[in-house]
């Protein structure tokens, strides 16, 4: 199976986890997904300074700057596989 297909399957699997992951894992999944699908985050950040969820998501994605889309896909697949355990 091709990396893109494995990634799409992992995205589907992430929605059927038996337990909801903690916030740290959710941010990791979000940032890896964004990096894999959109590449580096070049946004300036959330417009509302009090939108802390958006701020944390933005910061998590920024930390992955420079990571290739393929590597982000593989890390996402690996994380979901570990969570499915």
PDB file of N, CA and C in Angstrom:
ATOM      1  N   UNK A   1       0.843  -1.183   0.000  1.00  0.00           N
ATOM      2  CA  UNK A   1       0.000   0.000   0.000  1.00  0.00           C
ATOM      3  C   UNK A   1       0.891   1.249   0.000  1.00  0.00           C
ATOM      4  N   UNK A   2       0.486   2.240  -0.735  1.00  0.00           N
ATOM      5  CA  UNK A   2       1.222   3.496  -0.865  1.00  0.00           C
ATOM      6  C   UNK A   2       1.094   4.334   0.415  1.00  0.00           C
ATOM      7  N   UNK A   3       2.096   5.174   0.684  1.00  0.00           N
ATOM      8  CA  UNK A   3       2.116   5.996   1.896  1.00  0.00           C
ATOM      9  C   UNK A   3       0.844   6.833   2.032  1.00  0.00           C
ATOM     10  N   UNK A   4       0.394   7.435   0.943  1.00  0.00           N
ATOM     11  CA  UNK A   4      -0.810   8.267   0.989  1.00  0.00           C
ATOM     12  C   UNK A   4      -2.028   7.443   1.398  1.00  0.00           C
ATOM     13  N   UNK A   5      -2.128   6.219   0.872  1.00  0.00           N
ATOM     14  CA  UNK A   5      -3.252   5.348   1.234  1.00  0.00           C
ATOM     15  C   UNK A   5      -3.176   4.945   2.703  1.00  0.00           C
ATOM     16  N   UNK A   6      -1.962   4.640   3.176  1.00  0.00           N
ATOM     17  CA  UNK A   6      -1.783   4.289   4.585  1.00  0.00           C
ATOM     18  C   UNK A   6      -2.154   5.467   5.489  1.00  0.00           C
ATOM     19  N   UNK A   7      -1.771   6.672   5.043  1.00  0.00           N
ATOM     20  CA  UNK A   7      -2.101   7.879   5.801  1.00  0.00           C
ATOM     21  C   UNK A   7      -3.620   8.073   5.860  1.00  0.00           C
ATOM     22  N   UNK A   8      -4.291   7.934   4.735  1.00  0.00           N
ATOM     23  CA  UNK A   8      -5.750   8.095   4.705  1.00  0.00           C
ATOM     24  C   UNK A   8      -6.433   7.058   5.598  1.00  0.00           C
ATOM     25  N   UNK A   9      -5.893   5.839   5.618  1.00  0.00           N
ATOM     26  CA  UNK A   9      -6.443   4.796   6.485  1.00  0.00           C
ATOM     27  C   UNK A   9      -6.211   5.156   7.953  1.00  0.00           C
ATOM     28  N   UNK A  10      -5.040   5.705   8.259  1.00  0.00           N
ATOM     29  CA  UNK A  10      -4.744   6.114   9.633  1.00  0.00           C
ATOM     30  C   UNK A  10      -5.668   7.247  10.074  1.00  0.00           C
ATOM     31  N   UNK A  11      -5.972   8.175   9.166  1.00  0.00           N
ATOM     32  CA  UNK A  11      -6.902   9.264   9.487  1.00  0.00           C
ATOM     33  C   UNK A  11      -8.268   8.670   9.829  1.00  0.00           C
ATOM     34  N   UNK A  12      -8.725   7.718   9.036  1.00  0.00           N
ATOM     35  CA  UNK A  12     -10.008   7.064   9.307  1.00  0.00           C
ATOM     36  C   UNK A  12      -9.950   6.320  10.647  1.00  0.00           C
ATOM     37  N   UNK A  13      -8.837   5.631  10.896  1.00  0.00           N
ATOM     38  CA  UNK A  13      -8.690   4.885  12.145  1.00  0.00           C
ATOM     39  C   UNK A  13      -8.645   5.802  13.359  1.00  0.00           C
ATOM     40  N   UNK A  14      -8.111   7.003  13.185  1.00  0.00           N
ATOM     41  CA  UNK A  14      -8.005   7.932  14.316  1.00  0.00           C
ATOM     42  C   UNK A  14      -9.388   8.348  14.823  1.00  0.00           C
ATOM     43  N   UNK A  15     -10.381   8.228  13.974  1.00  0.00           N
ATOM     44  CA  UNK A  15     -11.743   8.613  14.355  1.00  0.00           C
ATOM     45  C   UNK A  15     -12.491   7.487  15.052  1.00  0.00           C
ATOM     46  N   UNK A  16     -11.872   6.301  15.108  1.00  0.00           N
ATOM     47  CA  UNK A  16     -12.539   5.153  15.720  1.00  0.00           C
ATOM     48  C   UNK A  16     -11.749   4.594  16.903  1.00  0.00           C
ATOM     49  N   UNK A  17     -10.911   5.422  17.514  1.00  0.00           N
ATOM     50  CA  UNK A  17     -10.146   4.978  18.680  1.00  0.00           C
ATOM     51  C   UNK A  17     -11.100   4.651  19.828  1.00  0.00           C
ATOM     52  N   UNK A  18     -10.773   3.619  20.590  1.00  0.00           N
ATOM     53  CA  UNK A  18     -11.654   3.209  21.687  1.00  0.00           C
ATOM     54  C   UNK A  18     -11.693   4.246  22.808  1.00  0.00           C
ATOM     55  N   UNK A  19     -10.592   4.951  23.012  1.00  0.00           N
ATOM     56  CA  UNK A  19     -10.549   6.014  24.013  1.00  0.00           C
ATOM     57  C   UNK A  19     -10.072   7.309  23.373  1.00  0.00           C
ATOM     58  N   UNK A  20     -10.631   8.420  23.852  1.00  0.00           N
ATOM     59  CA  UNK A  20     -10.176   9.717  23.349  1.00  0.00           C
ATOM     60  C   UNK A  20      -8.785  10.000  23.911  1.00  0.00           C
ATOM     61  N   UNK A  21      -7.818  10.304  23.031  1.00  0.00           N
ATOM     62  CA  UNK A  21      -6.464  10.619  23.513  1.00  0.00           C
ATOM     63  C   UNK A  21      -6.455  11.903  24.331  1.00  0.00           C
ATOM     64  N   UNK A  22      -5.422  12.074  25.158  1.00  0.00           N
ATOM     65  CA  UNK A  22      -5.311  13.307  25.929  1.00  0.00           C
ATOM     66  C   UNK A  22      -4.986  14.478  24.993  1.00  0.00           C
ATOM     67  N   UNK A  23      -5.042  15.671  25.537  1.00  0.00           N
ATOM     68  CA  UNK A  23      -4.864  16.878  24.720  1.00  0.00           C
ATOM     69  C   UNK A  23      -3.508  16.940  24.026  1.00  0.00           C
ATOM     70  N   UNK A  24      -2.475  16.461  24.691  1.00  0.00           N
ATOM     71  CA  UNK A  24      -1.133  16.479  24.097  1.00  0.00           C
ATOM     72  C   UNK A  24      -1.093  15.607  22.834  1.00  0.00           C
ATOM     73  N   UNK A  25      -1.691  14.436  22.907  1.00  0.00           N
ATOM     74  CA  UNK A  25      -1.728  13.533  21.749  1.00  0.00           C
ATOM     75  C   UNK A  25      -2.613  14.119  20.653  1.00  0.00           C
ATOM     76  N   UNK A  26      -3.740  14.721  21.044  1.00  0.00           N
ATOM     77  CA  UNK A  26      -4.626  15.341  20.054  1.00  0.00           C
ATOM     78  C   UNK A  26      -3.909  16.455  19.302  1.00  0.00           C
ATOM     79  N   UNK A  27      -3.122  17.258  20.011  1.00  0.00           N
ATOM     80  CA  UNK A  27      -2.358  18.330  19.356  1.00  0.00           C
ATOM     81  C   UNK A  27      -1.318  17.741  18.407  1.00  0.00           C
ATOM     82  N   UNK A  28      -0.693  16.641  18.804  1.00  0.00           N
ATOM     83  CA  UNK A  28       0.302  15.985  17.952  1.00  0.00           C
ATOM     84  C   UNK A  28      -0.364  15.460  16.688  1.00  0.00           C
ATOM     85  N   UNK A  29      -1.526  14.820  16.837  1.00  0.00           N
ATOM     86  CA  UNK A  29      -2.261  14.323  15.665  1.00  0.00           C
ATOM     87  C   UNK A  29      -2.651  15.480  14.747  1.00  0.00           C
ATOM     88  N   UNK A  30      -3.162  16.550  15.338  1.00  0.00           N
ATOM     89  CA  UNK A  30      -3.568  17.717  14.554  1.00  0.00           C
ATOM     90  C   UNK A  30      -2.390  18.290  13.777  1.00  0.00           C
ATOM     91  N   UNK A  31      -1.275  18.512  14.473  1.00  0.00           N
ATOM     92  CA  UNK A  31      -0.139  19.162  13.828  1.00  0.00           C
ATOM     93  C   UNK A  31       0.473  18.269  12.752  1.00  0.00           C
ATOM     94  N   UNK A  32       0.555  16.977  13.005  1.00  0.00           N
ATOM     95  CA  UNK A  32       1.077  16.061  11.984  1.00  0.00           C
ATOM     96  C   UNK A  32       0.155  16.023  10.771  1.00  0.00           C
ATOM     97  N   UNK A  33      -1.161  16.021  11.012  1.00  0.00           N
ATOM     98  CA  UNK A  33      -2.123  16.025   9.907  1.00  0.00           C
ATOM     99  C   UNK A  33      -1.957  17.284   9.062  1.00  0.00           C
ATOM    100  N   UNK A  34      -1.880  18.438   9.726  1.00  0.00           N
ATOM    101  CA  UNK A  34      -1.740  19.705   8.992  1.00  0.00           C
ATOM    102  C   UNK A  34      -0.429  19.739   8.208  1.00  0.00           C
ATOM    103  N   UNK A  35       0.662  19.272   8.834  1.00  0.00           N
ATOM    104  CA  UNK A  35       1.963  19.270   8.162  1.00  0.00           C
ATOM    105  C   UNK A  35       1.927  18.332   6.960  1.00  0.00           C
ATOM    106  N   UNK A  36       1.262  17.182   7.118  1.00  0.00           N
ATOM    107  CA  UNK A  36       1.195  16.194   6.037  1.00  0.00           C
ATOM    108  C   UNK A  36       0.322  16.669   4.880  1.00  0.00           C
ATOM    109  N   UNK A  37      -0.710  17.427   5.188  1.00  0.00           N
ATOM    110  CA  UNK A  37      -1.644  17.833   4.137  1.00  0.00           C
ATOM    111  C   UNK A  37      -1.383  19.223   3.576  1.00  0.00           C
ATOM    112  N   UNK A  38      -0.784  20.114   4.389  1.00  0.00           N
ATOM    113  CA  UNK A  38      -0.593  21.493   3.940  1.00  0.00           C
ATOM    114  C   UNK A  38       0.864  21.952   3.929  1.00  0.00           C
ATOM    115  N   UNK A  39       1.736  21.226   4.616  1.00  0.00           N
ATOM    116  CA  UNK A  39       3.133  21.649   4.694  1.00  0.00           C
ATOM    117  C   UNK A  39       3.341  22.636   5.824  1.00  0.00           C
ATOM    118  N   UNK A  40       4.407  23.410   5.739  1.00  0.00           N
ATOM    119  CA  UNK A  40       4.768  24.345   6.812  1.00  0.00           C
ATOM    120  C   UNK A  40       3.664  25.361   7.087  1.00  0.00           C
ATOM    121  N   UNK A  41       3.526  25.689   8.364  1.00  0.00           N
ATOM    122  CA  UNK A  41       2.550  26.680   8.806  1.00  0.00           C
ATOM    123  C   UNK A  41       3.137  28.070   8.587  1.00  0.00           C
ATOM    124  N   UNK A  42       2.549  28.830   7.680  1.00  0.00           N
ATOM    125  CA  UNK A  42       3.012  30.188   7.403  1.00  0.00           C
ATOM    126  C   UNK A  42       2.001  31.231   7.860  1.00  0.00           C
ATOM    127  N   UNK A  43       1.055  30.795   8.689  1.00  0.00           N
ATOM    128  CA  UNK A  43       0.043  31.722   9.200  1.00  0.00           C
ATOM    129  C   UNK A  43       0.623  32.507  10.374  1.00  0.00           C
ATOM    130  N   UNK A  44       0.082  33.694  10.601  1.00  0.00           N
ATOM    131  CA  UNK A  44       0.593  34.543  11.674  1.00  0.00           C
ATOM    132  C   UNK A  44       0.057  34.140  13.038  1.00  0.00           C
ATOM    133  N   UNK A  45      -0.959  33.316  13.078  1.00  0.00           N
ATOM    134  CA  UNK A  45      -1.542  32.892  14.352  1.00  0.00           C
ATOM    135  C   UNK A  45      -2.993  33.294  14.427  1.00  0.00           C
ATOM    136  N   UNK A  46      -3.670  32.826  15.472  1.00  0.00           N
ATOM    137  CA  UNK A  46      -5.094  33.149  15.605  1.00  0.00           C
ATOM    138  C   UNK A  46      -5.329  34.644  15.831  1.00  0.00           C
ATOM    139  N   UNK A  47      -6.402  35.153  15.268  1.00  0.00           N
ATOM    140  CA  UNK A  47      -6.702  36.581  15.397  1.00  0.00           C
ATOM    141  C   UNK A  47      -7.214  36.930  16.792  1.00  0.00           C
ATOM    142  N   UNK A  48      -7.805  35.972  17.477  1.00  0.00           N
ATOM    143  CA  UNK A  48      -8.325  36.206  18.817  1.00  0.00           C
ATOM    144  C   UNK A  48      -7.290  35.713  19.829  1.00  0.00           C
ATOM    145  N   UNK A  49      -6.698  36.617  20.560  1.00  0.00           N
ATOM    146  CA  UNK A  49      -5.647  36.272  21.526  1.00  0.00           C
ATOM    147  C   UNK A  49      -6.167  35.388  22.660  1.00  0.00           C
ATOM    148  N   UNK A  50      -7.476  35.363  22.845  1.00  0.00           N
ATOM    149  CA  UNK A  50      -8.063  34.554  23.920  1.00  0.00           C
ATOM    150  C   UNK A  50      -8.573  33.205  23.435  1.00  0.00           C
ATOM    151  N   UNK A  51      -8.350  32.895  22.169  1.00  0.00           N
ATOM    152  CA  UNK A  51      -8.714  31.580  21.633  1.00  0.00           C
ATOM    153  C   UNK A  51      -7.534  30.645  21.873  1.00  0.00           C
ATOM    154  N   UNK A  52      -7.482  30.102  23.084  1.00  0.00           N
ATOM    155  CA  UNK A  52      -6.320  29.324  23.491  1.00  0.00           C
ATOM    156  C   UNK A  52      -6.186  28.010  22.727  1.00  0.00           C
ATOM    157  N   UNK A  53      -7.303  27.406  22.357  1.00  0.00           N
ATOM    158  CA  UNK A  53      -7.244  26.167  21.578  1.00  0.00           C
ATOM    159  C   UNK A  53      -6.571  26.437  20.243  1.00  0.00           C
ATOM    160  N   UNK A  54      -6.989  27.489  19.568  1.00  0.00           N
ATOM    161  CA  UNK A  54      -6.388  27.845  18.277  1.00  0.00           C
ATOM    162  C   UNK A  54      -4.909  28.179  18.455  1.00  0.00           C
ATOM    163  N   UNK A  55      -4.574  28.843  19.552  1.00  0.00           N
ATOM    164  CA  UNK A  55      -3.181  29.208  19.815  1.00  0.00           C
ATOM    165  C   UNK A  55      -2.319  27.954  19.990  1.00  0.00           C
ATOM    166  N   UNK A  56      -2.795  26.993  20.781  1.00  0.00           N
ATOM    167  CA  UNK A  56      -2.035  25.764  20.998  1.00  0.00           C
ATOM    168  C   UNK A  56      -1.902  24.952  19.713  1.00  0.00           C
ATOM    169  N   UNK A  57      -2.968  24.915  18.911  1.00  0.00           N
ATOM    170  CA  UNK A  57      -2.901  24.209  17.629  1.00  0.00           C
ATOM    171  C   UNK A  57      -1.866  24.858  16.714  1.00  0.00           C
ATOM    172  N   UNK A  58      -1.905  26.174  16.645  1.00  0.00           N
ATOM    173  CA  UNK A  58      -0.970  26.921  15.804  1.00  0.00           C
ATOM    174  C   UNK A  58       0.474  26.656  16.239  1.00  0.00           C
ATOM    175  N   UNK A  59       0.722  26.721  17.543  1.00  0.00           N
ATOM    176  CA  UNK A  59       2.071  26.504  18.057  1.00  0.00           C
ATOM    177  C   UNK A  59       2.558  25.075  17.813  1.00  0.00           C
ATOM    178  N   UNK A  60       1.660  24.101  17.957  1.00  0.00           N
ATOM    179  CA  UNK A  60       2.040  22.702  17.729  1.00  0.00           C
ATOM    180  C   UNK A  60       2.435  22.497  16.266  1.00  0.00           C
ATOM    181  N   UNK A  61       1.692  23.112  15.356  1.00  0.00           N
ATOM    182  CA  UNK A  61       1.984  22.980  13.929  1.00  0.00           C
ATOM    183  C   UNK A  61       3.296  23.684  13.572  1.00  0.00           C
ATOM    184  N   UNK A  62       3.523  24.874  14.149  1.00  0.00           N
ATOM    185  CA  UNK A  62       4.758  25.641  13.894  1.00  0.00           C
ATOM    186  C   UNK A  62       5.992  24.803  14.251  1.00  0.00           C
ATOM    187  N   UNK A  63       5.907  24.014  15.327  1.00  0.00           N
ATOM    188  CA  UNK A  63       7.045  23.208  15.776  1.00  0.00           C
ATOM    189  C   UNK A  63       7.490  22.185  14.729  1.00  0.00           C
ATOM    190  N   UNK A  64       6.617  21.865  13.778  1.00  0.00           N
ATOM    191  CA  UNK A  64       6.944  20.864  12.759  1.00  0.00           C
ATOM    192  C   UNK A  64       7.509  21.482  11.481  1.00  0.00           C
ATOM    193  N   UNK A  65       7.743  22.785  11.492  1.00  0.00           N
ATOM    194  CA  UNK A  65       8.259  23.475  10.309  1.00  0.00           C
ATOM    195  C   UNK A  65       9.518  22.790   9.797  1.00  0.00           C
ATOM    196  N   UNK A  66       9.546  22.522   8.509  1.00  0.00           N
ATOM    197  CA  UNK A  66      10.690  21.868   7.887  1.00  0.00           C
ATOM    198  C   UNK A  66      10.534  20.354   7.759  1.00  0.00           C
ATOM    199  N   UNK A  67       9.575  19.774   8.477  1.00  0.00           N
ATOM    200  CA  UNK A  67       9.321  18.338   8.369  1.00  0.00           C
ATOM    201  C   UNK A  67       8.632  18.070   7.040  1.00  0.00           C
ATOM    202  N   UNK A  68       9.128  17.091   6.288  1.00  0.00           N
ATOM    203  CA  UNK A  68       8.526  16.804   4.980  1.00  0.00           C
ATOM    204  C   UNK A  68       7.116  16.245   5.157  1.00  0.00           C
ATOM    205  N   UNK A  69       6.304  16.428   4.134  1.00  0.00           N
ATOM    206  CA  UNK A  69       4.940  15.897   4.173  1.00  0.00           C
ATOM    207  C   UNK A  69       4.960  14.385   4.355  1.00  0.00           C
ATOM    208  N   UNK A  70       5.918  13.723   3.696  1.00  0.00           N
ATOM    209  CA  UNK A  70       6.002  12.267   3.781  1.00  0.00           C
ATOM    210  C   UNK A  70       6.364  11.815   5.197  1.00  0.00           C
ATOM    211  N   UNK A  71       7.309  12.506   5.821  1.00  0.00           N
ATOM    212  CA  UNK A  71       7.705  12.156   7.186  1.00  0.00           C
ATOM    213  C   UNK A  71       6.560  12.425   8.156  1.00  0.00           C
ATOM    214  N   UNK A  72       5.827  13.519   7.943  1.00  0.00           N
ATOM    215  CA  UNK A  72       4.668  13.823   8.793  1.00  0.00           C
ATOM    216  C   UNK A  72       3.610  12.732   8.643  1.00  0.00           C
ATOM    217  N   UNK A  73       3.386  12.266   7.420  1.00  0.00           N
ATOM    218  CA  UNK A  73       2.430  11.175   7.191  1.00  0.00           C
ATOM    219  C   UNK A  73       2.868   9.928   7.943  1.00  0.00           C
ATOM    220  N   UNK A  74       4.154   9.594   7.848  1.00  0.00           N
ATOM    221  CA  UNK A  74       4.655   8.383   8.500  1.00  0.00           C
ATOM    222  C   UNK A  74       4.536   8.492  10.019  1.00  0.00           C
ATOM    223  N   UNK A  75       4.860   9.647  10.572  1.00  0.00           N
ATOM    224  CA  UNK A  75       4.741   9.839  12.022  1.00  0.00           C
ATOM    225  C   UNK A  75       3.284   9.754  12.465  1.00  0.00           C
ATOM    226  N   UNK A  76       2.373  10.284  11.645  1.00  0.00           N
ATOM    227  CA  UNK A  76       0.946  10.212  11.949  1.00  0.00           C
ATOM    228  C   UNK A  76       0.498   8.750  11.960  1.00  0.00           C
ATOM    229  N   UNK A  77       0.891   8.011  10.921  1.00  0.00           N
ATOM    230  CA  UNK A  77       0.546   6.591  10.818  1.00  0.00           C
ATOM    231  C   UNK A  77       1.070   5.836  12.044  1.00  0.00           C
ATOM    232  N   UNK A  78       2.332   6.080  12.389  1.00  0.00           N
ATOM    233  CA  UNK A  78       2.945   5.410  13.535  1.00  0.00           C
ATOM    234  C   UNK A  78       2.215   5.717  14.836  1.00  0.00           C
ATOM    235  N   UNK A  79       1.825   6.975  15.032  1.00  0.00           N
ATOM    236  CA  UNK A  79       1.136   7.378  16.257  1.00  0.00           C
ATOM    237  C   UNK A  79      -0.243   6.731  16.351  1.00  0.00           C
ATOM    238  N   UNK A  80      -0.994   6.737  15.261  1.00  0.00           N
ATOM    239  CA  UNK A  80      -2.326   6.130  15.270  1.00  0.00           C
ATOM    240  C   UNK A  80      -2.220   4.624  15.498  1.00  0.00           C
ATOM    241  N   UNK A  81      -1.232   4.001  14.872  1.00  0.00           N
ATOM    242  CA  UNK A  81      -1.015   2.556  15.054  1.00  0.00           C
ATOM    243  C   UNK A  81      -0.737   2.258  16.531  1.00  0.00           C
ATOM    244  N   UNK A  82       0.079   3.095  17.164  1.00  0.00           N
ATOM    245  CA  UNK A  82       0.393   2.925  18.583  1.00  0.00           C
ATOM    246  C   UNK A  82      -0.864   3.106  19.444  1.00  0.00           C
ATOM    247  N   UNK A  83      -1.688   4.095  19.109  1.00  0.00           N
ATOM    248  CA  UNK A  83      -2.910   4.357  19.872  1.00  0.00           C
ATOM    249  C   UNK A  83      -3.931   3.234  19.706  1.00  0.00           C
ATOM    250  N   UNK A  84      -3.981   2.649  18.524  1.00  0.00           N
ATOM    251  CA  UNK A  84      -4.922   1.550  18.263  1.00  0.00           C
ATOM    252  C   UNK A  84      -4.502   0.308  19.043  1.00  0.00           C
ATOM    253  N   UNK A  85      -3.164   0.186  19.291  1.00  0.00           N
ATOM    254  CA  UNK A  85      -2.530  -0.862  20.058  1.00  0.00           C
ATOM    255  C   UNK A  85      -3.219  -2.145  19.988  1.00  0.00           C
TER     256      UNK A  85
END
